[in-house]
Amino acid sequence: MTALLDKLKGYLKDALEIALWLVALLTLLQVLFGDSFVQLFAIDILSNIGGLMSQFGSEGLVGLIAAGLVAYLIVRK
């Protein structure tokens, strides 16, 4: 049973890493190409990230704790 959970944990970790690389790539492309990137792919990644950060900020201490927890889960090895 623990082998199955370890395998699932590995798959989820790999999926999260791919998602983070994708967000980084999309952010870079939007910075480089600006509005043409947004019009071509219909994804405004910078405003989505900004909106997410403002939601964390508007929740006060709970939002700060949640943002810290998310950051911890992303960077831990």
C-alpha atoms as a PDB file:
ATOM      1  CA  MET A   1       0.000   0.000   0.000  1.00  0.00           C
ATOM      2  CA  THR A   2       2.803   2.454   0.805  1.00  0.00           C
ATOM      3  CA  ALA A   3       4.492   1.676  -2.525  1.00  0.00           C
ATOM      4  CA  LEU A   4       1.309   2.722  -4.316  1.00  0.00           C
ATOM      5  CA  LEU A   5       1.116   5.951  -2.316  1.00  0.00           C
ATOM      6  CA  ASP A   6       4.776   6.695  -2.997  1.00  0.00           C
ATOM      7  CA  LYS A   7       4.235   6.160  -6.714  1.00  0.00           C
ATOM      8  CA  LEU A   8       1.165   8.433  -6.680  1.00  0.00           C
ATOM      9  CA  LYS A   9       3.105  11.062  -4.751  1.00  0.00           C
ATOM     10  CA  GLY A  10       5.862  10.898  -7.375  1.00  0.00           C
ATOM     11  CA  TYR A  11       3.357  11.359 -10.200  1.00  0.00           C
ATOM     12  CA  LEU A  12       1.762  14.335  -8.477  1.00  0.00           C
ATOM     13  CA  LYS A  13       5.160  15.907  -7.801  1.00  0.00           C
ATOM     14  CA  ASP A  14       6.107  15.500 -11.469  1.00  0.00           C
ATOM     15  CA  ALA A  15       2.787  16.985 -12.603  1.00  0.00           C
ATOM     16  CA  LEU A  16       3.263  19.996 -10.307  1.00  0.00           C
ATOM     17  CA  GLU A  17       6.780  20.531 -11.620  1.00  0.00           C
ATOM     18  CA  ILE A  18       5.537  20.458 -15.220  1.00  0.00           C
ATOM     19  CA  ALA A  19       2.755  22.907 -14.339  1.00  0.00           C
ATOM     20  CA  LEU A  20       5.230  25.308 -12.723  1.00  0.00           C
ATOM     21  CA  TRP A  21       7.514  25.183 -15.753  1.00  0.00           C
ATOM     22  CA  LEU A  22       4.503  25.832 -17.988  1.00  0.00           C
ATOM     23  CA  VAL A  23       3.468  28.874 -15.919  1.00  0.00           C
ATOM     24  CA  ALA A  24       7.040  30.181 -16.068  1.00  0.00           C
ATOM     25  CA  LEU A  25       7.187  29.684 -19.840  1.00  0.00           C
ATOM     26  CA  LEU A  26       3.812  31.345 -20.419  1.00  0.00           C
ATOM     27  CA  THR A  27       4.827  34.274 -18.205  1.00  0.00           C
ATOM     28  CA  LEU A  28       8.054  34.724 -20.155  1.00  0.00           C
ATOM     29  CA  LEU A  29       6.233  34.562 -23.477  1.00  0.00           C
ATOM     30  CA  GLN A  30       3.664  37.126 -22.352  1.00  0.00           C
ATOM     31  CA  VAL A  31       6.389  39.488 -21.147  1.00  0.00           C
ATOM     32  CA  LEU A  32       8.266  39.123 -24.430  1.00  0.00           C
ATOM     33  CA  PHE A  33       5.317  39.353 -26.825  1.00  0.00           C
ATOM     34  CA  GLY A  34       2.769  41.353 -24.799  1.00  0.00           C
ATOM     35  CA  ASP A  35      -0.721  41.839 -26.210  1.00  0.00           C
ATOM     36  CA  SER A  36      -0.093  39.731 -29.303  1.00  0.00           C
ATOM     37  CA  PHE A  37       0.482  36.688 -27.059  1.00  0.00           C
ATOM     38  CA  VAL A  38      -2.744  37.372 -25.164  1.00  0.00           C
ATOM     39  CA  GLN A  39      -4.720  37.756 -28.387  1.00  0.00           C
ATOM     40  CA  LEU A  40      -3.218  34.662 -30.003  1.00  0.00           C
ATOM     41  CA  PHE A  41      -3.649  32.229 -27.106  1.00  0.00           C
ATOM     42  CA  ALA A  42      -6.440  34.014 -25.157  1.00  0.00           C
ATOM     43  CA  ILE A  43      -4.454  33.555 -21.933  1.00  0.00           C
ATOM     44  CA  ASP A  44      -3.557  36.565 -19.799  1.00  0.00           C
ATOM     45  CA  ILE A  45      -1.257  34.845 -17.332  1.00  0.00           C
ATOM     46  CA  LEU A  46       0.080  38.040 -15.746  1.00  0.00           C
ATOM     47  CA  SER A  47      -3.348  39.374 -14.797  1.00  0.00           C
ATOM     48  CA  ASN A  48      -4.344  35.915 -13.532  1.00  0.00           C
ATOM     49  CA  ILE A  49      -1.279  35.799 -11.284  1.00  0.00           C
ATOM     50  CA  GLY A  50      -1.968  39.379 -10.151  1.00  0.00           C
ATOM     51  CA  GLY A  51      -5.573  38.502  -9.351  1.00  0.00           C
ATOM     52  CA  LEU A  52      -4.494  35.465  -7.370  1.00  0.00           C
ATOM     53  CA  MET A  53      -2.033  37.527  -5.347  1.00  0.00           C
ATOM     54  CA  SER A  54      -4.653  40.189  -4.638  1.00  0.00           C
ATOM     55  CA  GLN A  55      -7.053  37.494  -3.408  1.00  0.00           C
ATOM     56  CA  PHE A  56      -4.399  36.194  -1.021  1.00  0.00           C
ATOM     57  CA  GLY A  57      -3.715  39.757   0.127  1.00  0.00           C
ATOM     58  CA  SER A  58      -7.349  40.681   0.685  1.00  0.00           C
ATOM     59  CA  GLU A  59      -7.843  37.789   3.101  1.00  0.00           C
ATOM     60  CA  GLY A  60      -5.444  39.253   5.669  1.00  0.00           C
ATOM     61  CA  LEU A  61      -3.555  36.887   7.945  1.00  0.00           C
ATOM     62  CA  VAL A  62      -5.346  33.784   6.645  1.00  0.00           C
ATOM     63  CA  GLY A  63      -4.364  34.711   3.082  1.00  0.00           C
ATOM     64  CA  LEU A  64      -0.783  35.285   4.153  1.00  0.00           C
ATOM     65  CA  ILE A  65      -0.654  31.877   5.846  1.00  0.00           C
ATOM     66  CA  ALA A  66      -2.228  30.228   2.779  1.00  0.00           C
ATOM     67  CA  ALA A  67       0.255  31.922   0.431  1.00  0.00           C
ATOM     68  CA  GLY A  68       3.128  30.826   2.657  1.00  0.00           C
ATOM     69  CA  LEU A  69       1.816  27.263   2.700  1.00  0.00           C
ATOM     70  CA  VAL A  70       1.491  27.181  -1.081  1.00  0.00           C
ATOM     71  CA  ALA A  71       5.017  28.567  -1.474  1.00  0.00           C
ATOM     72  CA  TYR A  72       6.358  25.993   0.980  1.00  0.00           C
ATOM     73  CA  LEU A  73       4.687  23.131  -0.872  1.00  0.00           C
ATOM     74  CA  ILE A  74       6.116  24.331  -4.165  1.00  0.00           C
ATOM     75  CA  VAL A  75       9.743  24.800  -3.088  1.00  0.00           C
ATOM     76  CA  ARG A  76      10.207  21.896  -0.675  1.00  0.00           C
ATOM     77  CA  LYS A  77      12.145  18.925  -1.921  1.00  0.00           C
END
